[in-house]
């Protein structure tokens, strides 16, 4: 389960940001997970709750925003958010597309005290 290693890296990053900003604790962690990232939000939540106890994030709220797949059609130049995993342009049905969002995981923000 790679969610554990992801959370360990995330918590290390939170520790570094807290130290750089002379914060005693992190009160809120907001991340964005793309549906194509390979990360399971439920498992990530469990891993965060498991490992946060002895860190600056021990009381932090963990907010997960799931990013749908966003594509750019290279034929009609339309940008679309896909509701289903049908990889074609909703406007012209072309499969000549580029995925522009929904593949990654990002730390969006931290609130610290």
Protein backbone atom coordinates (compact mmCIF):
# COMPACT_ATOMS: atom_id res chain seq x y z
CA UNK A 1 0.00 0.00 0.00
CA UNK A 2 1.97 3.03 -1.27
CA UNK A 3 -0.41 5.44 0.51
CA UNK A 4 1.68 4.93 3.67
CA UNK A 5 4.88 6.11 2.01
CA UNK A 6 3.01 9.03 0.43
CA UNK A 7 1.71 10.11 3.85
CA UNK A 8 5.14 9.77 5.42
CA UNK A 9 6.56 12.12 2.75
CA UNK A 10 3.61 14.47 3.20
CA UNK A 11 4.13 14.61 6.97
CA UNK A 12 7.85 15.27 6.50
CA UNK A 13 6.97 18.14 4.18
CA UNK A 14 4.55 19.53 6.78
CA UNK A 15 7.28 19.31 9.44
CA UNK A 16 9.67 21.24 7.18
CA UNK A 17 7.12 23.96 6.41
CA UNK A 18 6.23 24.32 10.09
CA UNK A 19 9.90 24.63 11.04
CA UNK A 20 10.56 27.23 8.32
CA UNK A 21 7.60 29.30 9.53
CA UNK A 22 8.29 28.91 13.29
CA UNK A 23 4.93 27.17 13.70
CA UNK A 24 4.24 24.88 16.65
CA UNK A 25 1.60 22.84 14.85
CA UNK A 26 -0.26 22.34 11.61
CA UNK A 27 -4.02 22.68 11.99
CA UNK A 28 -5.14 21.94 8.44
CA UNK A 29 -3.66 20.06 5.48
CA UNK A 30 -5.35 20.38 2.08
CA UNK A 31 -4.36 18.15 -0.80
CA UNK A 32 -5.61 17.55 -4.33
CA UNK A 33 -5.66 14.02 -5.72
CA UNK A 34 -6.30 13.35 -9.39
CA UNK A 35 -8.56 10.40 -10.16
CA UNK A 36 -5.79 9.02 -12.41
CA UNK A 37 -3.05 9.43 -9.78
CA UNK A 38 -3.31 5.87 -8.50
CA UNK A 39 -3.84 7.12 -4.95
CA UNK A 40 -6.92 5.90 -3.06
CA UNK A 41 -8.37 8.79 -1.00
CA UNK A 42 -9.85 6.50 1.68
CA UNK A 43 -6.58 4.67 2.20
CA UNK A 44 -4.70 7.97 2.26
CA UNK A 45 -7.04 9.25 4.99
CA UNK A 46 -6.46 6.10 7.06
CA UNK A 47 -2.70 6.38 6.61
CA UNK A 48 -2.75 10.07 7.60
CA UNK A 49 -4.79 9.34 10.72
CA UNK A 50 -2.42 6.49 11.61
CA UNK A 51 0.87 8.37 11.25
CA UNK A 52 0.02 11.96 12.27
CA UNK A 53 0.04 11.40 16.04
CA UNK A 54 3.72 12.11 16.74
CA UNK A 55 4.08 14.99 14.28
CA UNK A 56 3.17 18.68 14.08
CA UNK A 57 -0.01 17.48 12.34
CA UNK A 58 -1.34 15.56 15.36
CA UNK A 59 -4.52 17.69 15.55
CA UNK A 60 -4.70 18.65 11.87
CA UNK A 61 -7.80 18.37 9.72
CA UNK A 62 -7.00 16.51 6.52
CA UNK A 63 -8.95 17.77 3.51
CA UNK A 64 -8.83 15.76 0.30
CA UNK A 65 -10.06 17.39 -2.90
CA UNK A 66 -10.52 14.88 -5.72
CA UNK A 67 -9.66 16.29 -9.14
CA UNK A 68 -11.61 14.94 -12.10
CA UNK A 69 -9.91 14.37 -15.43
CA UNK A 70 -9.48 17.54 -17.50
CA UNK A 71 -8.62 17.17 -21.17
CA UNK A 72 -7.73 19.45 -24.04
CA UNK A 73 -8.94 18.39 -27.47
CA UNK A 74 -6.16 18.85 -30.00
CA UNK A 75 -8.67 18.92 -32.89
CA UNK A 76 -11.27 21.49 -31.75
CA UNK A 77 -9.18 23.17 -28.98
CA UNK A 78 -11.88 22.61 -26.35
CA UNK A 79 -11.01 22.07 -22.71
CA UNK A 80 -13.39 19.69 -20.92
CA UNK A 81 -13.80 17.96 -17.58
CA UNK A 82 -14.68 14.33 -18.05
CA UNK A 83 -17.52 12.95 -15.95
CA UNK A 84 -16.73 9.37 -17.00
CA UNK A 85 -13.54 7.62 -18.02
CA UNK A 86 -14.39 7.98 -21.69
CA UNK A 87 -11.29 9.47 -23.22
CA UNK A 88 -12.77 11.43 -26.08
CA UNK A 89 -13.77 15.03 -26.59
CA UNK A 90 -17.38 15.60 -25.48
CA UNK A 91 -17.77 18.28 -28.17
CA UNK A 92 -16.39 16.59 -31.31
CA UNK A 93 -15.79 13.00 -30.11
CA UNK A 94 -12.14 13.13 -31.17
CA UNK A 95 -9.68 10.91 -29.32
CA UNK A 96 -6.84 13.26 -30.21
CA UNK A 97 -6.69 14.66 -26.68
CA UNK A 98 -4.19 15.62 -24.00
CA UNK A 99 -4.88 15.13 -20.28
CA UNK A 100 -4.14 18.45 -18.53
CA UNK A 101 -5.30 17.68 -14.96
CA UNK A 102 -6.32 14.73 -12.85
CA UNK A 103 -3.12 12.67 -12.91
CA UNK A 104 -1.21 14.07 -9.94
CA UNK A 105 -1.36 14.66 -6.21
CA UNK A 106 -0.49 18.07 -4.78
CA UNK A 107 -0.17 19.63 -1.35
CA UNK A 108 -2.42 22.65 -1.88
CA UNK A 109 -2.18 24.45 1.46
CA UNK A 110 -1.29 24.26 5.13
CA UNK A 111 -2.69 26.21 8.05
CA UNK A 112 -0.28 26.58 10.95
CA UNK A 113 -0.15 28.10 14.42
